[in-house]
Amino acid sequence: MTRGAAKALGDKVAGSVSKRTECVALGAEAGSKARKAAELCVETLSEQAWLDLVGGA
């Protein structure tokens, strides 16, 4: 999923993960954002779980 598609579904798309981040949807190549989310104990979701949550599936 692209950032534009996520925005179209009404979500806020951020360029980085911080302690204020509520949740991170992880795609196939999440890389550093996945690691940062884990370090900060930020909830992560698979792309499909996120789509189910926002009703975009």
PDB file of N, CA and C in Angstrom:
ATOM      1  N   MET A   1       0.837  -1.166   0.000  1.00  0.00           N
ATOM      2  CA  MET A   1       0.000   0.000   0.000  1.00  0.00           C
ATOM      3  C   MET A   1       0.887   1.235   0.000  1.00  0.00           C
ATOM      4  N   THR A   2       0.466   2.220  -0.713  1.00  0.00           N
ATOM      5  CA  THR A   2       1.234   3.465  -0.774  1.00  0.00           C
ATOM      6  C   THR A   2       0.798   4.414   0.344  1.00  0.00           C
ATOM      7  N   ARG A   3       1.614   5.403   0.602  1.00  0.00           N
ATOM      8  CA  ARG A   3       1.257   6.413   1.607  1.00  0.00           C
ATOM      9  C   ARG A   3       0.006   7.165   1.175  1.00  0.00           C
ATOM     10  N   GLY A   4      -0.089   7.441  -0.116  1.00  0.00           N
ATOM     11  CA  GLY A   4      -1.267   8.144  -0.635  1.00  0.00           C
ATOM     12  C   GLY A   4      -2.542   7.350  -0.404  1.00  0.00           C
ATOM     13  N   ALA A   5      -2.474   6.038  -0.586  1.00  0.00           N
ATOM     14  CA  ALA A   5      -3.641   5.187  -0.352  1.00  0.00           C
ATOM     15  C   ALA A   5      -4.017   5.184   1.125  1.00  0.00           C
ATOM     16  N   ALA A   6      -3.029   5.176   2.002  1.00  0.00           N
ATOM     17  CA  ALA A   6      -3.303   5.219   3.441  1.00  0.00           C
ATOM     18  C   ALA A   6      -3.971   6.541   3.812  1.00  0.00           C
ATOM     19  N   LYS A   7      -3.490   7.624   3.250  1.00  0.00           N
ATOM     20  CA  LYS A   7      -4.091   8.932   3.517  1.00  0.00           C
ATOM     21  C   LYS A   7      -5.527   8.975   3.006  1.00  0.00           C
ATOM     22  N   ALA A   8      -5.771   8.361   1.852  1.00  0.00           N
ATOM     23  CA  ALA A   8      -7.113   8.334   1.275  1.00  0.00           C
ATOM     24  C   ALA A   8      -8.095   7.595   2.179  1.00  0.00           C
ATOM     25  N   LEU A   9      -7.588   6.649   2.956  1.00  0.00           N
ATOM     26  CA  LEU A   9      -8.437   5.919   3.900  1.00  0.00           C
ATOM     27  C   LEU A   9      -8.595   6.672   5.219  1.00  0.00           C
ATOM     28  N   GLY A  10      -8.011   7.874   5.295  1.00  0.00           N
ATOM     29  CA  GLY A  10      -8.208   8.726   6.457  1.00  0.00           C
ATOM     30  C   GLY A  10      -7.150   8.634   7.526  1.00  0.00           C
ATOM     31  N   ASP A  11      -6.044   7.971   7.248  1.00  0.00           N
ATOM     32  CA  ASP A  11      -5.004   7.826   8.261  1.00  0.00           C
ATOM     33  C   ASP A  11      -3.961   8.919   8.129  1.00  0.00           C
ATOM     34  N   LYS A  12      -3.276   9.203   9.228  1.00  0.00           N
ATOM     35  CA  LYS A  12      -2.157  10.143   9.215  1.00  0.00           C
ATOM     36  C   LYS A  12      -0.893   9.345   8.914  1.00  0.00           C
ATOM     37  N   VAL A  13      -0.127   9.816   7.966  1.00  0.00           N
ATOM     38  CA  VAL A  13       1.102   9.136   7.578  1.00  0.00           C
ATOM     39  C   VAL A  13       2.279   9.976   8.040  1.00  0.00           C
ATOM     40  N   ALA A  14       3.148   9.372   8.840  1.00  0.00           N
ATOM     41  CA  ALA A  14       4.310  10.084   9.371  1.00  0.00           C
ATOM     42  C   ALA A  14       5.586   9.554   8.722  1.00  0.00           C
ATOM     43  N   GLY A  15       6.601  10.378   8.709  1.00  0.00           N
ATOM     44  CA  GLY A  15       7.865   9.988   8.123  1.00  0.00           C
ATOM     45  C   GLY A  15       8.799   9.267   9.073  1.00  0.00           C
ATOM     46  N   SER A  16       8.460   9.301  10.371  1.00  0.00           N
ATOM     47  CA  SER A  16       9.324   8.660  11.354  1.00  0.00           C
ATOM     48  C   SER A  16       8.487   8.121  12.514  1.00  0.00           C
ATOM     49  N   VAL A  17       9.111   7.285  13.320  1.00  0.00           N
ATOM     50  CA  VAL A  17       8.462   6.692  14.488  1.00  0.00           C
ATOM     51  C   VAL A  17       9.018   7.367  15.741  1.00  0.00           C
ATOM     52  N   SER A  18       8.124   7.775  16.644  1.00  0.00           N
ATOM     53  CA  SER A  18       8.551   8.374  17.907  1.00  0.00           C
ATOM     54  C   SER A  18       7.722   7.775  19.036  1.00  0.00           C
ATOM     55  N   LYS A  19       8.023   8.176  20.263  1.00  0.00           N
ATOM     56  CA  LYS A  19       7.272   7.650  21.399  1.00  0.00           C
ATOM     57  C   LYS A  19       5.818   8.108  21.361  1.00  0.00           C
ATOM     58  N   ARG A  20       5.518   9.135  20.579  1.00  0.00           N
ATOM     59  CA  ARG A  20       4.144   9.614  20.429  1.00  0.00           C
ATOM     60  C   ARG A  20       3.377   8.863  19.354  1.00  0.00           C
ATOM     61  N   THR A  21       4.053   8.010  18.599  1.00  0.00           N
ATOM     62  CA  THR A  21       3.400   7.230  17.554  1.00  0.00           C
ATOM     63  C   THR A  21       2.484   6.205  18.192  1.00  0.00           C
ATOM     64  N   GLU A  22       1.248   6.143  17.718  1.00  0.00           N
ATOM     65  CA  GLU A  22       0.272   5.218  18.295  1.00  0.00           C
ATOM     66  C   GLU A  22       0.441   3.809  17.742  1.00  0.00           C
ATOM     67  N   CYS A  23       0.671   3.698  16.440  1.00  0.00           N
ATOM     68  CA  CYS A  23       0.721   2.387  15.802  1.00  0.00           C
ATOM     69  C   CYS A  23       1.489   2.511  14.485  1.00  0.00           C
ATOM     70  N   VAL A  24       2.169   1.434  14.094  1.00  0.00           N
ATOM     71  CA  VAL A  24       2.894   1.410  12.830  1.00  0.00           C
ATOM     72  C   VAL A  24       2.413   0.213  12.021  1.00  0.00           C
ATOM     73  N   ALA A  25       1.965   0.476  10.797  1.00  0.00           N
ATOM     74  CA  ALA A  25       1.587  -0.598   9.883  1.00  0.00           C
ATOM     75  C   ALA A  25       2.839  -0.981   9.103  1.00  0.00           C
ATOM     76  N   LEU A  26       3.189  -2.259   9.149  1.00  0.00           N
ATOM     77  CA  LEU A  26       4.427  -2.724   8.537  1.00  0.00           C
ATOM     78  C   LEU A  26       4.165  -3.441   7.222  1.00  0.00           C
ATOM     79  N   GLY A  27       4.828  -2.977   6.184  1.00  0.00           N
ATOM     80  CA  GLY A  27       4.773  -3.648   4.895  1.00  0.00           C
ATOM     81  C   GLY A  27       5.884  -4.678   4.796  1.00  0.00           C
ATOM     82  N   ALA A  28       6.085  -5.175   3.608  1.00  0.00           N
ATOM     83  CA  ALA A  28       7.062  -6.242   3.383  1.00  0.00           C
ATOM     84  C   ALA A  28       8.496  -5.815   3.708  1.00  0.00           C
ATOM     85  N   GLU A  29       8.832  -4.549   3.499  1.00  0.00           N
ATOM     86  CA  GLU A  29      10.194  -4.070   3.726  1.00  0.00           C
ATOM     87  C   GLU A  29      10.204  -2.926   4.735  1.00  0.00           C
ATOM     88  N   ALA A  30       9.752  -3.192   5.952  1.00  0.00           N
ATOM     89  CA  ALA A  30       9.604  -2.135   6.964  1.00  0.00           C
ATOM     90  C   ALA A  30      10.946  -1.592   7.445  1.00  0.00           C
ATOM     91  N   GLY A  31      11.942  -2.440   7.585  1.00  0.00           N
ATOM     92  CA  GLY A  31      13.296  -2.014   7.932  1.00  0.00           C
ATOM     93  C   GLY A  31      13.425  -1.219   9.209  1.00  0.00           C
ATOM     94  N   SER A  32      13.983  -0.010   9.100  1.00  0.00           N
ATOM     95  CA  SER A  32      14.327   0.792  10.274  1.00  0.00           C
ATOM     96  C   SER A  32      13.103   1.236  11.065  1.00  0.00           C
ATOM     97  N   LYS A  33      11.981   1.460  10.405  1.00  0.00           N
ATOM     98  CA  LYS A  33      10.774   1.858  11.133  1.00  0.00           C
ATOM     99  C   LYS A  33      10.290   0.729  12.038  1.00  0.00           C
ATOM    100  N   ALA A  34      10.390  -0.509  11.573  1.00  0.00           N
ATOM    101  CA  ALA A  34      10.006  -1.658  12.401  1.00  0.00           C
ATOM    102  C   ALA A  34      10.931  -1.771  13.607  1.00  0.00           C
ATOM    103  N   ARG A  35      12.221  -1.581  13.393  1.00  0.00           N
ATOM    104  CA  ARG A  35      13.176  -1.648  14.498  1.00  0.00           C
ATOM    105  C   ARG A  35      12.919  -0.532  15.511  1.00  0.00           C
ATOM    106  N   LYS A  36      12.672   0.681  15.028  1.00  0.00           N
ATOM    107  CA  LYS A  36      12.424   1.818  15.918  1.00  0.00           C
ATOM    108  C   LYS A  36      11.138   1.601  16.705  1.00  0.00           C
ATOM    109  N   ALA A  37      10.093   1.094  16.064  1.00  0.00           N
ATOM    110  CA  ALA A  37       8.836   0.807  16.760  1.00  0.00           C
ATOM    111  C   ALA A  37       9.064  -0.211  17.876  1.00  0.00           C
ATOM    112  N   ALA A  38       9.844  -1.240  17.602  1.00  0.00           N
ATOM    113  CA  ALA A  38      10.141  -2.259  18.618  1.00  0.00           C
ATOM    114  C   ALA A  38      10.918  -1.652  19.785  1.00  0.00           C
ATOM    115  N   GLU A  39      11.900  -0.813  19.493  1.00  0.00           N
ATOM    116  CA  GLU A  39      12.689  -0.161  20.543  1.00  0.00           C
ATOM    117  C   GLU A  39      11.816   0.687  21.458  1.00  0.00           C
ATOM    118  N   LEU A  40      10.809   1.351  20.869  1.00  0.00           N
ATOM    119  CA  LEU A  40       9.959   2.264  21.626  1.00  0.00           C
ATOM    120  C   LEU A  40       8.687   1.597  22.149  1.00  0.00           C
ATOM    121  N   CYS A  41       8.559   0.297  21.920  1.00  0.00           N
ATOM    122  CA  CYS A  41       7.366  -0.469  22.341  1.00  0.00           C
ATOM    123  C   CYS A  41       6.087   0.099  21.729  1.00  0.00           C
ATOM    124  N   VAL A  42       6.190   0.521  20.468  1.00  0.00           N
ATOM    125  CA  VAL A  42       5.035   1.017  19.728  1.00  0.00           C
ATOM    126  C   VAL A  42       4.350  -0.171  19.067  1.00  0.00           C
ATOM    127  N   GLU A  43       3.019  -0.207  19.141  1.00  0.00           N
ATOM    128  CA  GLU A  43       2.257  -1.304  18.540  1.00  0.00           C
ATOM    129  C   GLU A  43       2.515  -1.357  17.035  1.00  0.00           C
ATOM    130  N   THR A  44       2.671  -2.569  16.512  1.00  0.00           N
ATOM    131  CA  THR A  44       2.827  -2.750  15.064  1.00  0.00           C
ATOM    132  C   THR A  44       1.724  -3.663  14.551  1.00  0.00           C
ATOM    133  N   LEU A  45       1.318  -3.421  13.324  1.00  0.00           N
ATOM    134  CA  LEU A  45       0.302  -4.221  12.647  1.00  0.00           C
ATOM    135  C   LEU A  45       0.808  -4.599  11.268  1.00  0.00           C
ATOM    136  N   SER A  46       0.389  -5.761  10.792  1.00  0.00           N
ATOM    137  CA  SER A  46       0.675  -6.103   9.401  1.00  0.00           C
ATOM    138  C   SER A  46      -0.200  -5.203   8.533  1.00  0.00           C
ATOM    139  N   GLU A  47       0.134  -5.098   7.264  1.00  0.00           N
ATOM    140  CA  GLU A  47      -0.671  -4.281   6.362  1.00  0.00           C
ATOM    141  C   GLU A  47      -2.114  -4.777   6.334  1.00  0.00           C
ATOM    142  N   GLN A  48      -2.316  -6.088   6.308  1.00  0.00           N
ATOM    143  CA  GLN A  48      -3.669  -6.637   6.268  1.00  0.00           C
ATOM    144  C   GLN A  48      -4.428  -6.339   7.556  1.00  0.00           C
ATOM    145  N   ALA A  49      -3.775  -6.458   8.706  1.00  0.00           N
ATOM    146  CA  ALA A  49      -4.422  -6.149   9.972  1.00  0.00           C
ATOM    147  C   ALA A  49      -4.826  -4.679  10.026  1.00  0.00           C
ATOM    148  N   TRP A  50      -3.984  -3.805   9.483  1.00  0.00           N
ATOM    149  CA  TRP A  50      -4.309  -2.380   9.447  1.00  0.00           C
ATOM    150  C   TRP A  50      -5.520  -2.138   8.543  1.00  0.00           C
ATOM    151  N   LEU A  51      -5.528  -2.783   7.372  1.00  0.00           N
ATOM    152  CA  LEU A  51      -6.660  -2.639   6.461  1.00  0.00           C
ATOM    153  C   LEU A  51      -7.960  -3.114   7.115  1.00  0.00           C
ATOM    154  N   ASP A  52      -7.883  -4.218   7.846  1.00  0.00           N
ATOM    155  CA  ASP A  52      -9.058  -4.717   8.566  1.00  0.00           C
ATOM    156  C   ASP A  52      -9.523  -3.694   9.605  1.00  0.00           C
ATOM    157  N   LEU A  53      -8.583  -3.057  10.284  1.00  0.00           N
ATOM    158  CA  LEU A  53      -8.884  -2.087  11.324  1.00  0.00           C
ATOM    159  C   LEU A  53      -9.580  -0.855  10.763  1.00  0.00           C
ATOM    160  N   VAL A  54      -9.111  -0.353   9.634  1.00  0.00           N
ATOM    161  CA  VAL A  54      -9.674   0.868   9.066  1.00  0.00           C
ATOM    162  C   VAL A  54     -10.810   0.605   8.085  1.00  0.00           C
ATOM    163  N   GLY A  55     -11.082  -0.663   7.849  1.00  0.00           N
ATOM    164  CA  GLY A  55     -12.185  -1.011   6.960  1.00  0.00           C
ATOM    165  C   GLY A  55     -11.864  -0.839   5.494  1.00  0.00           C
ATOM    166  N   GLY A  56     -10.602  -0.954   5.147  1.00  0.00           N
ATOM    167  CA  GLY A  56     -10.208  -0.776   3.752  1.00  0.00           C
ATOM    168  C   GLY A  56      -9.997  -2.071   3.000  1.00  0.00           C
ATOM    169  N   ALA A  57     -10.284  -3.200   3.617  1.00  0.00           N
ATOM    170  CA  ALA A  57     -10.046  -4.498   2.956  1.00  0.00           C
ATOM    171  C   ALA A  57     -11.205  -4.896   2.091  1.00  0.00           C
TER     172      ALA A  57
END
